[in-house]
Amino acid sequence: MDASFRLAALMPPDVVAVAESGLKTANDLDRLHAAGYRAFLVGERFMTAADPGEALRSLVGSGARA
């Protein structure tokens, strides 16, 4: 995630910034969104979860993020 924050400042404003790697919590997504990211690749978090559906719910919650 540290690399994502460093790279965020270098991305042109007209591109869709995609964060990928180490995303585990809703707070991670919120912080990266605030840094300018608009898309997220999440894989291992769901692949290793006993209940991937619950892992998704805990990651994004029940409300939409702006």
Protein backbone atom coordinates (compact mmCIF):
# COMPACT_ATOMS: atom_id res chain seq x y z
CA MET A 1 0.00 0.00 0.00
CA ASP A 2 2.90 2.36 0.61
CA ALA A 3 3.83 2.13 -3.07
CA SER A 4 0.24 2.95 -4.03
CA PHE A 5 0.35 6.15 -2.00
CA ARG A 6 3.69 7.16 -3.52
CA LEU A 7 2.42 6.49 -7.04
CA ALA A 8 -0.88 8.33 -6.55
CA ALA A 9 0.86 11.70 -6.68
CA LEU A 10 2.47 10.81 -10.01
CA MET A 11 -0.68 9.78 -11.87
CA PRO A 12 -2.26 12.19 -14.33
CA PRO A 13 -5.72 13.35 -13.25
CA ASP A 14 -7.34 12.10 -16.47
CA VAL A 15 -6.55 8.41 -15.89
CA VAL A 16 -8.40 5.90 -13.75
CA ALA A 17 -5.99 4.96 -10.99
CA VAL A 18 -6.18 1.28 -10.00
CA ALA A 19 -4.84 0.10 -6.63
CA GLU A 20 -3.81 -3.53 -6.51
CA SER A 21 -2.17 -5.50 -3.74
CA GLY A 22 -2.44 -5.73 -0.02
CA LEU A 23 -6.02 -4.45 0.14
CA LYS A 24 -7.64 -6.04 3.15
CA THR A 25 -10.02 -3.65 4.90
CA ALA A 26 -12.67 -1.07 4.12
CA ASN A 27 -10.33 1.48 5.67
CA ASP A 28 -7.67 0.55 3.08
CA LEU A 29 -10.16 1.31 0.29
CA ASP A 30 -11.27 4.55 1.91
CA ARG A 31 -7.69 5.80 2.30
CA LEU A 32 -6.75 4.87 -1.26
CA HIS A 33 -9.93 6.44 -2.60
CA ALA A 34 -9.02 9.66 -0.77
CA ALA A 35 -5.57 9.49 -2.42
CA GLY A 36 -7.19 9.42 -5.87
CA TYR A 37 -7.78 5.77 -6.68
CA ARG A 38 -11.08 4.92 -8.35
CA ALA A 39 -10.68 1.16 -8.93
CA PHE A 40 -9.33 -1.70 -6.83
CA LEU A 41 -8.10 -5.20 -7.61
CA VAL A 42 -8.75 -7.52 -4.72
CA GLY A 43 -7.99 -11.21 -5.02
CA GLU A 44 -6.14 -12.93 -2.20
CA ARG A 45 -8.50 -11.45 0.39
CA PHE A 46 -11.36 -13.44 -1.14
CA MET A 47 -9.42 -16.52 -2.20
CA THR A 48 -8.21 -17.19 1.34
CA ALA A 49 -11.47 -16.34 3.14
CA ALA A 50 -13.60 -19.16 4.53
CA ASP A 51 -16.67 -17.17 3.39
CA PRO A 52 -15.81 -14.97 0.37
CA GLY A 53 -19.26 -13.36 0.41
CA GLU A 54 -18.81 -12.22 3.99
CA ALA A 55 -15.29 -11.01 3.16
CA LEU A 56 -16.76 -8.90 0.36
CA ARG A 57 -19.47 -7.49 2.63
CA SER A 58 -16.90 -6.55 5.26
CA LEU A 59 -14.70 -4.92 2.64
CA VAL A 60 -17.31 -2.77 0.92
CA GLY A 61 -20.02 -2.67 3.57
CA SER A 62 -23.68 -2.19 2.80
CA GLY A 63 -23.43 1.40 1.59
CA ALA A 64 -21.99 2.84 -1.59
CA ARG A 65 -18.73 4.72 -1.45
CA ALA A 66 -18.55 8.07 -3.19
